[in-house]
PDB file of N, CA and C in Angstrom:
ATOM      1  N   UNK A   1       0.852  -1.184   0.000  1.00  0.00           N
ATOM      2  CA  UNK A   1       0.000   0.000   0.000  1.00  0.00           C
ATOM      3  C   UNK A   1       0.892   1.239   0.000  1.00  0.00           C
ATOM      4  N   UNK A   2       0.534   2.217  -0.809  1.00  0.00           N
ATOM      5  CA  UNK A   2       1.238   3.491  -0.859  1.00  0.00           C
ATOM      6  C   UNK A   2       0.500   4.462   0.054  1.00  0.00           C
ATOM      7  N   UNK A   3       1.220   5.119   0.960  1.00  0.00           N
ATOM      8  CA  UNK A   3       0.607   5.998   1.951  1.00  0.00           C
ATOM      9  C   UNK A   3       0.627   7.448   1.490  1.00  0.00           C
ATOM     10  N   UNK A   4      -0.482   8.146   1.680  1.00  0.00           N
ATOM     11  CA  UNK A   4      -0.546   9.579   1.390  1.00  0.00           C
ATOM     12  C   UNK A   4       0.092  10.340   2.548  1.00  0.00           C
ATOM     13  N   UNK A   5       0.335  11.618   2.347  1.00  0.00           N
ATOM     14  CA  UNK A   5       0.919  12.421   3.428  1.00  0.00           C
ATOM     15  C   UNK A   5      -0.041  12.505   4.617  1.00  0.00           C
ATOM     16  N   UNK A   6      -1.334  12.545   4.346  1.00  0.00           N
ATOM     17  CA  UNK A   6      -2.314  12.570   5.438  1.00  0.00           C
ATOM     18  C   UNK A   6      -2.271  11.270   6.231  1.00  0.00           C
ATOM     19  N   UNK A   7      -2.188  10.144   5.551  1.00  0.00           N
ATOM     20  CA  UNK A   7      -2.114   8.855   6.241  1.00  0.00           C
ATOM     21  C   UNK A   7      -0.835   8.749   7.057  1.00  0.00           C
ATOM     22  N   UNK A   8       0.271   9.231   6.522  1.00  0.00           N
ATOM     23  CA  UNK A   8       1.528   9.222   7.275  1.00  0.00           C
ATOM     24  C   UNK A   8       1.418  10.100   8.514  1.00  0.00           C
ATOM     25  N   UNK A   9       0.767  11.252   8.376  1.00  0.00           N
ATOM     26  CA  UNK A   9       0.570  12.137   9.527  1.00  0.00           C
ATOM     27  C   UNK A   9      -0.292  11.485  10.596  1.00  0.00           C
ATOM     28  N   UNK A  10      -1.325  10.777  10.186  1.00  0.00           N
ATOM     29  CA  UNK A  10      -2.200  10.081  11.142  1.00  0.00           C
ATOM     30  C   UNK A  10      -1.387   9.049  11.923  1.00  0.00           C
ATOM     31  N   UNK A  11      -0.623   8.241  11.205  1.00  0.00           N
ATOM     32  CA  UNK A  11       0.215   7.238  11.871  1.00  0.00           C
ATOM     33  C   UNK A  11       1.216   7.898  12.805  1.00  0.00           C
ATOM     34  N   UNK A  12       1.838   8.988  12.347  1.00  0.00           N
ATOM     35  CA  UNK A  12       2.842   9.684  13.147  1.00  0.00           C
ATOM     36  C   UNK A  12       2.255  10.218  14.450  1.00  0.00           C
ATOM     37  N   UNK A  13       1.121  10.908  14.365  1.00  0.00           N
ATOM     38  CA  UNK A  13       0.510  11.495  15.560  1.00  0.00           C
ATOM     39  C   UNK A  13       0.108  10.410  16.552  1.00  0.00           C
ATOM     40  N   UNK A  14      -0.538   9.361  16.067  1.00  0.00           N
ATOM     41  CA  UNK A  14      -0.938   8.281  16.977  1.00  0.00           C
ATOM     42  C   UNK A  14       0.273   7.588  17.587  1.00  0.00           C
ATOM     43  N   UNK A  15       1.337   7.429  16.800  1.00  0.00           N
ATOM     44  CA  UNK A  15       2.559   6.795  17.300  1.00  0.00           C
ATOM     45  C   UNK A  15       3.216   7.667  18.374  1.00  0.00           C
ATOM     46  N   UNK A  16       3.284   8.962  18.126  1.00  0.00           N
ATOM     47  CA  UNK A  16       3.875   9.874  19.101  1.00  0.00           C
ATOM     48  C   UNK A  16       3.070   9.902  20.403  1.00  0.00           C
ATOM     49  N   UNK A  17       1.758   9.833  20.295  1.00  0.00           N
ATOM     50  CA  UNK A  17       0.927   9.789  21.497  1.00  0.00           C
ATOM     51  C   UNK A  17       1.183   8.509  22.284  1.00  0.00           C
ATOM     52  N   UNK A  18       1.332   7.387  21.583  1.00  0.00           N
ATOM     53  CA  UNK A  18       1.628   6.129  22.270  1.00  0.00           C
ATOM     54  C   UNK A  18       2.983   6.189  22.969  1.00  0.00           C
ATOM     55  N   UNK A  19       3.956   6.830  22.342  1.00  0.00           N
ATOM     56  CA  UNK A  19       5.276   6.977  22.973  1.00  0.00           C
ATOM     57  C   UNK A  19       5.191   7.802  24.254  1.00  0.00           C
ATOM     58  N   UNK A  20       4.166   8.645  24.349  1.00  0.00           N
ATOM     59  CA  UNK A  20       3.940   9.460  25.552  1.00  0.00           C
ATOM     60  C   UNK A  20       2.943   8.795  26.503  1.00  0.00           C
ATOM     61  N   UNK A  21       2.736   7.491  26.319  1.00  0.00           N
ATOM     62  CA  UNK A  21       1.868   6.672  27.172  1.00  0.00           C
ATOM     63  C   UNK A  21       0.386   7.038  27.117  1.00  0.00           C
ATOM     64  N   UNK A  22      -0.056   7.595  26.002  1.00  0.00           N
ATOM     65  CA  UNK A  22      -1.490   7.811  25.770  1.00  0.00           C
ATOM     66  C   UNK A  22      -1.968   6.569  25.026  1.00  0.00           C
ATOM     67  N   UNK A  23      -2.670   5.692  25.737  1.00  0.00           N
ATOM     68  CA  UNK A  23      -3.018   4.395  25.165  1.00  0.00           C
ATOM     69  C   UNK A  23      -4.481   4.265  24.748  1.00  0.00           C
ATOM     70  N   UNK A  24      -5.317   5.254  25.051  1.00  0.00           N
ATOM     71  CA  UNK A  24      -6.718   5.150  24.665  1.00  0.00           C
ATOM     72  C   UNK A  24      -6.900   5.587  23.214  1.00  0.00           C
ATOM     73  N   UNK A  25      -8.026   5.239  22.638  1.00  0.00           N
ATOM     74  CA  UNK A  25      -8.361   5.661  21.283  1.00  0.00           C
ATOM     75  C   UNK A  25      -8.556   7.176  21.278  1.00  0.00           C
ATOM     76  N   UNK A  26      -8.066   7.819  20.224  1.00  0.00           N
ATOM     77  CA  UNK A  26      -8.132   9.270  20.113  1.00  0.00           C
ATOM     78  C   UNK A  26      -9.328   9.649  19.237  1.00  0.00           C
ATOM     79  N   UNK A  27     -10.204  10.521  19.742  1.00  0.00           N
ATOM     80  CA  UNK A  27     -11.337  10.947  18.921  1.00  0.00           C
ATOM     81  C   UNK A  27     -10.855  11.547  17.601  1.00  0.00           C
ATOM     82  N   UNK A  28     -11.552  11.230  16.532  1.00  0.00           N
ATOM     83  CA  UNK A  28     -11.149  11.671  15.193  1.00  0.00           C
ATOM     84  C   UNK A  28     -11.034  13.186  15.104  1.00  0.00           C
ATOM     85  N   UNK A  29     -11.949  13.904  15.719  1.00  0.00           N
ATOM     86  CA  UNK A  29     -11.916  15.366  15.639  1.00  0.00           C
ATOM     87  C   UNK A  29     -10.655  15.912  16.304  1.00  0.00           C
ATOM     88  N   UNK A  30     -10.241  15.319  17.417  1.00  0.00           N
ATOM     89  CA  UNK A  30      -9.013  15.755  18.095  1.00  0.00           C
ATOM     90  C   UNK A  30      -7.785  15.426  17.257  1.00  0.00           C
ATOM     91  N   UNK A  31      -7.809  14.267  16.643  1.00  0.00           N
ATOM     92  CA  UNK A  31      -6.707  13.842  15.783  1.00  0.00           C
ATOM     93  C   UNK A  31      -6.567  14.794  14.592  1.00  0.00           C
ATOM     94  N   UNK A  32      -7.664  15.173  13.983  1.00  0.00           N
ATOM     95  CA  UNK A  32      -7.644  16.112  12.865  1.00  0.00           C
ATOM     96  C   UNK A  32      -7.090  17.463  13.313  1.00  0.00           C
ATOM     97  N   UNK A  33      -7.498  17.935  14.477  1.00  0.00           N
ATOM     98  CA  UNK A  33      -6.994  19.216  14.990  1.00  0.00           C
ATOM     99  C   UNK A  33      -5.486  19.166  15.208  1.00  0.00           C
ATOM    100  N   UNK A  34      -4.980  18.056  15.751  1.00  0.00           N
ATOM    101  CA  UNK A  34      -3.535  17.909  15.980  1.00  0.00           C
ATOM    102  C   UNK A  34      -2.769  17.934  14.662  1.00  0.00           C
ATOM    103  N   UNK A  35      -3.302  17.265  13.664  1.00  0.00           N
ATOM    104  CA  UNK A  35      -2.642  17.225  12.361  1.00  0.00           C
ATOM    105  C   UNK A  35      -2.653  18.606  11.717  1.00  0.00           C
ATOM    106  N   UNK A  36      -3.763  19.300  11.793  1.00  0.00           N
ATOM    107  CA  UNK A  36      -3.864  20.617  11.163  1.00  0.00           C
ATOM    108  C   UNK A  36      -3.025  21.685  11.857  1.00  0.00           C
ATOM    109  N   UNK A  37      -2.679  21.476  13.127  1.00  0.00           N
ATOM    110  CA  UNK A  37      -1.827  22.436  13.833  1.00  0.00           C
ATOM    111  C   UNK A  37      -0.423  22.492  13.244  1.00  0.00           C
ATOM    112  N   UNK A  38       0.020  21.389  12.654  1.00  0.00           N
ATOM    113  CA  UNK A  38       1.392  21.336  12.154  1.00  0.00           C
ATOM    114  C   UNK A  38       1.492  21.556  10.650  1.00  0.00           C
ATOM    115  N   UNK A  39       0.413  21.920  10.009  1.00  0.00           N
ATOM    116  CA  UNK A  39       0.409  22.105   8.553  1.00  0.00           C
ATOM    117  C   UNK A  39       0.086  23.549   8.197  1.00  0.00           C
ATOM    118  N   UNK A  40       0.617  23.985   7.067  1.00  0.00           N
ATOM    119  CA  UNK A  40       0.272  25.321   6.570  1.00  0.00           C
ATOM    120  C   UNK A  40      -1.130  25.327   5.980  1.00  0.00           C
ATOM    121  N   UNK A  41      -1.484  24.250   5.269  1.00  0.00           N
ATOM    122  CA  UNK A  41      -2.811  24.118   4.671  1.00  0.00           C
ATOM    123  C   UNK A  41      -3.534  22.985   5.382  1.00  0.00           C
ATOM    124  N   UNK A  42      -4.722  23.286   5.893  1.00  0.00           N
ATOM    125  CA  UNK A  42      -5.486  22.289   6.647  1.00  0.00           C
ATOM    126  C   UNK A  42      -5.921  21.120   5.771  1.00  0.00           C
ATOM    127  N   UNK A  43      -5.976  19.950   6.397  1.00  0.00           N
ATOM    128  CA  UNK A  43      -6.545  18.765   5.751  1.00  0.00           C
ATOM    129  C   UNK A  43      -8.062  18.893   5.863  1.00  0.00           C
ATOM    130  N   UNK A  44      -8.761  18.704   4.770  1.00  0.00           N
ATOM    131  CA  UNK A  44     -10.226  18.750   4.814  1.00  0.00           C
ATOM    132  C   UNK A  44     -10.753  17.552   5.601  1.00  0.00           C
ATOM    133  N   UNK A  45     -11.811  17.764   6.324  1.00  0.00           N
ATOM    134  CA  UNK A  45     -12.374  16.707   7.171  1.00  0.00           C
ATOM    135  C   UNK A  45     -12.759  15.473   6.365  1.00  0.00           C
ATOM    136  N   UNK A  46     -13.303  15.664   5.174  1.00  0.00           N
ATOM    137  CA  UNK A  46     -13.701  14.512   4.360  1.00  0.00           C
ATOM    138  C   UNK A  46     -12.486  13.699   3.916  1.00  0.00           C
ATOM    139  N   UNK A  47     -11.412  14.375   3.528  1.00  0.00           N
ATOM    140  CA  UNK A  47     -10.184  13.674   3.145  1.00  0.00           C
ATOM    141  C   UNK A  47      -9.569  12.954   4.337  1.00  0.00           C
ATOM    142  N   UNK A  48      -9.627  13.593   5.497  1.00  0.00           N
ATOM    143  CA  UNK A  48      -9.104  12.982   6.718  1.00  0.00           C
ATOM    144  C   UNK A  48      -9.869  11.700   7.050  1.00  0.00           C
ATOM    145  N   UNK A  49     -11.188  11.762   7.019  1.00  0.00           N
ATOM    146  CA  UNK A  49     -12.000  10.583   7.339  1.00  0.00           C
ATOM    147  C   UNK A  49     -11.758   9.459   6.339  1.00  0.00           C
ATOM    148  N   UNK A  50     -11.649   9.812   5.065  1.00  0.00           N
ATOM    149  CA  UNK A  50     -11.368   8.805   4.041  1.00  0.00           C
ATOM    150  C   UNK A  50     -10.031   8.130   4.315  1.00  0.00           C
ATOM    151  N   UNK A  51      -9.017   8.915   4.680  1.00  0.00           N
ATOM    152  CA  UNK A  51      -7.697   8.359   4.996  1.00  0.00           C
ATOM    153  C   UNK A  51      -7.765   7.431   6.199  1.00  0.00           C
ATOM    154  N   UNK A  52      -8.499   7.835   7.231  1.00  0.00           N
ATOM    155  CA  UNK A  52      -8.636   6.992   8.427  1.00  0.00           C
ATOM    156  C   UNK A  52      -9.337   5.681   8.091  1.00  0.00           C
ATOM    157  N   UNK A  53     -10.407   5.754   7.328  1.00  0.00           N
ATOM    158  CA  UNK A  53     -11.144   4.540   6.980  1.00  0.00           C
ATOM    159  C   UNK A  53     -10.310   3.618   6.091  1.00  0.00           C
ATOM    160  N   UNK A  54      -9.507   4.175   5.212  1.00  0.00           N
ATOM    161  CA  UNK A  54      -8.613   3.366   4.373  1.00  0.00           C
ATOM    162  C   UNK A  54      -7.569   2.667   5.245  1.00  0.00           C
ATOM    163  N   UNK A  55      -6.997   3.396   6.191  1.00  0.00           N
ATOM    164  CA  UNK A  55      -6.029   2.778   7.109  1.00  0.00           C
ATOM    165  C   UNK A  55      -6.697   1.676   7.934  1.00  0.00           C
ATOM    166  N   UNK A  56      -7.928   1.904   8.343  1.00  0.00           N
ATOM    167  CA  UNK A  56      -8.666   0.892   9.107  1.00  0.00           C
ATOM    168  C   UNK A  56      -8.937  -0.357   8.264  1.00  0.00           C
ATOM    169  N   UNK A  57      -9.391  -0.160   7.040  1.00  0.00           N
ATOM    170  CA  UNK A  57      -9.666  -1.295   6.149  1.00  0.00           C
ATOM    171  C   UNK A  57      -8.418  -2.131   5.871  1.00  0.00           C
ATOM    172  N   UNK A  58      -7.264  -1.479   5.852  1.00  0.00           N
ATOM    173  CA  UNK A  58      -6.011  -2.181   5.570  1.00  0.00           C
ATOM    174  C   UNK A  58      -5.300  -2.674   6.829  1.00  0.00           C
ATOM    175  N   UNK A  59      -5.951  -2.537   7.984  1.00  0.00           N
ATOM    176  CA  UNK A  59      -5.427  -3.125   9.214  1.00  0.00           C
ATOM    177  C   UNK A  59      -4.407  -2.293   9.963  1.00  0.00           C
ATOM    178  N   UNK A  60      -4.312  -1.001   9.679  1.00  0.00           N
ATOM    179  CA  UNK A  60      -3.345  -0.149  10.368  1.00  0.00           C
ATOM    180  C   UNK A  60      -3.951   0.604  11.549  1.00  0.00           C
ATOM    181  N   UNK A  61      -5.272   0.761  11.559  1.00  0.00           N
ATOM    182  CA  UNK A  61      -5.969   1.443  12.652  1.00  0.00           C
ATOM    183  C   UNK A  61      -7.124   0.598  13.157  1.00  0.00           C
ATOM    184  N   UNK A  62      -7.417   0.762  14.445  1.00  0.00           N
ATOM    185  CA  UNK A  62      -8.638   0.203  15.026  1.00  0.00           C
ATOM    186  C   UNK A  62      -9.627   1.355  15.149  1.00  0.00           C
ATOM    187  N   UNK A  63     -10.892   1.069  14.905  1.00  0.00           N
ATOM    188  CA  UNK A  63     -11.930   2.091  14.926  1.00  0.00           C
ATOM    189  C   UNK A  63     -12.863   1.820  16.104  1.00  0.00           C
ATOM    190  N   UNK A  64     -13.218   2.873  16.830  1.00  0.00           N
ATOM    191  CA  UNK A  64     -14.083   2.765  17.995  1.00  0.00           C
ATOM    192  C   UNK A  64     -15.143   3.848  17.946  1.00  0.00           C
ATOM    193  N   UNK A  65     -16.200   3.639  18.708  1.00  0.00           N
ATOM    194  CA  UNK A  65     -17.205   4.673  18.944  1.00  0.00           C
ATOM    195  C   UNK A  65     -17.496   4.685  20.439  1.00  0.00           C
ATOM    196  N   UNK A  66     -17.511   5.893  21.038  1.00  0.00           N
ATOM    197  CA  UNK A  66     -17.822   5.978  22.459  1.00  0.00           C
ATOM    198  C   UNK A  66     -19.337   6.034  22.656  1.00  0.00           C
ATOM    199  N   UNK A  67     -19.768   6.273  23.864  1.00  0.00           N
ATOM    200  CA  UNK A  67     -21.197   6.234  24.168  1.00  0.00           C
ATOM    201  C   UNK A  67     -21.991   7.309  23.426  1.00  0.00           C
ATOM    202  N   UNK A  68     -21.350   8.420  23.091  1.00  0.00           N
ATOM    203  CA  UNK A  68     -22.043   9.459  22.318  1.00  0.00           C
ATOM    204  C   UNK A  68     -21.816   9.284  20.820  1.00  0.00           C
ATOM    205  N   UNK A  69     -21.331   8.084  20.420  1.00  0.00           N
ATOM    206  CA  UNK A  69     -21.105   7.701  19.028  1.00  0.00           C
ATOM    207  C   UNK A  69     -20.005   8.513  18.346  1.00  0.00           C
ATOM    208  N   UNK A  70     -19.114   9.098  19.144  1.00  0.00           N
ATOM    209  CA  UNK A  70     -17.979   9.832  18.591  1.00  0.00           C
ATOM    210  C   UNK A  70     -16.949   8.839  18.062  1.00  0.00           C
ATOM    211  N   UNK A  71     -16.504   9.035  16.834  1.00  0.00           N
ATOM    212  CA  UNK A  71     -15.538   8.159  16.181  1.00  0.00           C
ATOM    213  C   UNK A  71     -14.144   8.390  16.753  1.00  0.00           C
ATOM    214  N   UNK A  72     -13.419   7.293  17.029  1.00  0.00           N
ATOM    215  CA  UNK A  72     -12.059   7.386  17.571  1.00  0.00           C
ATOM    216  C   UNK A  72     -11.197   6.292  16.948  1.00  0.00           C
ATOM    217  N   UNK A  73      -9.890   6.532  16.928  1.00  0.00           N
ATOM    218  CA  UNK A  73      -8.957   5.589  16.314  1.00  0.00           C
ATOM    219  C   UNK A  73      -7.752   5.344  17.210  1.00  0.00           C
ATOM    220  N   UNK A  74      -7.164   4.167  17.049  1.00  0.00           N
ATOM    221  CA  UNK A  74      -5.886   3.839  17.685  1.00  0.00           C
ATOM    222  C   UNK A  74      -5.106   2.953  16.717  1.00  0.00           C
ATOM    223  N   UNK A  75      -3.806   2.848  16.944  1.00  0.00           N
ATOM    224  CA  UNK A  75      -2.961   2.020  16.085  1.00  0.00           C
ATOM    225  C   UNK A  75      -3.156   0.543  16.390  1.00  0.00           C
ATOM    226  N   UNK A  76      -3.117  -0.261  15.365  1.00  0.00           N
ATOM    227  CA  UNK A  76      -3.026  -1.712  15.543  1.00  0.00           C
ATOM    228  C   UNK A  76      -1.535  -2.039  15.606  1.00  0.00           C
ATOM    229  N   UNK A  77      -1.205  -3.279  15.849  1.00  0.00           N
ATOM    230  CA  UNK A  77       0.209  -3.680  15.861  1.00  0.00           C
ATOM    231  C   UNK A  77       0.836  -3.421  14.490  1.00  0.00           C
ATOM    232  N   UNK A  78       0.099  -3.709  13.440  1.00  0.00           N
ATOM    233  CA  UNK A  78       0.599  -3.466  12.076  1.00  0.00           C
ATOM    234  C   UNK A  78       0.845  -1.972  11.851  1.00  0.00           C
ATOM    235  N   UNK A  79      -0.081  -1.141  12.323  1.00  0.00           N
ATOM    236  CA  UNK A  79       0.069   0.303  12.201  1.00  0.00           C
ATOM    237  C   UNK A  79       1.239   0.829  12.998  1.00  0.00           C
ATOM    238  N   UNK A  80       1.424   0.271  14.185  1.00  0.00           N
ATOM    239  CA  UNK A  80       2.549   0.658  15.036  1.00  0.00           C
ATOM    240  C   UNK A  80       3.882   0.334  14.366  1.00  0.00           C
ATOM    241  N   UNK A  81       3.954  -0.837  13.744  1.00  0.00           N
ATOM    242  CA  UNK A  81       5.186  -1.237  13.058  1.00  0.00           C
ATOM    243  C   UNK A  81       5.459  -0.324  11.864  1.00  0.00           C
ATOM    244  N   UNK A  82       4.432   0.029  11.110  1.00  0.00           N
ATOM    245  CA  UNK A  82       4.606   0.908   9.949  1.00  0.00           C
ATOM    246  C   UNK A  82       5.007   2.318  10.398  1.00  0.00           C
ATOM    247  N   UNK A  83       4.383   2.821  11.454  1.00  0.00           N
ATOM    248  CA  UNK A  83       4.729   4.148  11.967  1.00  0.00           C
ATOM    249  C   UNK A  83       6.168   4.169  12.469  1.00  0.00           C
ATOM    250  N   UNK A  84       6.586   3.132  13.156  1.00  0.00           N
ATOM    251  CA  UNK A  84       7.963   3.050  13.654  1.00  0.00           C
ATOM    252  C   UNK A  84       8.942   3.009  12.481  1.00  0.00           C
ATOM    253  N   UNK A  85       8.571   2.321  11.438  1.00  0.00           N
ATOM    254  CA  UNK A  85       9.407   2.210  10.232  1.00  0.00           C
ATOM    255  C   UNK A  85       9.608   3.593   9.597  1.00  0.00           C
ATOM    256  N   UNK A  86       8.570   4.391   9.571  1.00  0.00           N
ATOM    257  CA  UNK A  86       8.640   5.713   8.977  1.00  0.00           C
ATOM    258  C   UNK A  86       9.401   6.723   9.852  1.00  0.00           C
ATOM    259  N   UNK A  87       9.259   6.606  11.169  1.00  0.00           N
ATOM    260  CA  UNK A  87       9.682   7.697  12.037  1.00  0.00           C
ATOM    261  C   UNK A  87      10.799   7.373  13.013  1.00  0.00           C
ATOM    262  N   UNK A  88      11.388   6.197  12.940  1.00  0.00           N
ATOM    263  CA  UNK A  88      12.525   5.915  13.820  1.00  0.00           C
ATOM    264  C   UNK A  88      13.760   5.649  13.022  1.00  0.00           C
TER     265      UNK A  88
END
């Protein structure tokens, strides 16, 4: 699979959070805000969601919904290995 810059950013942010011992699933809206803070041009929400769902379908992210049905993501072992490969 070829990764887009948005997908690489998603993996990077989740990986960095795990390195800081944040082990819970991160709400998608918070993840998008973190990614957009480090970019000159914001990622559109629709493109971000598409990237997350593609990563989930390919086994790099786990998808969750909390009690208020808010979408959240975390790395799978495969995603963790790919993120480490890119950023270490």
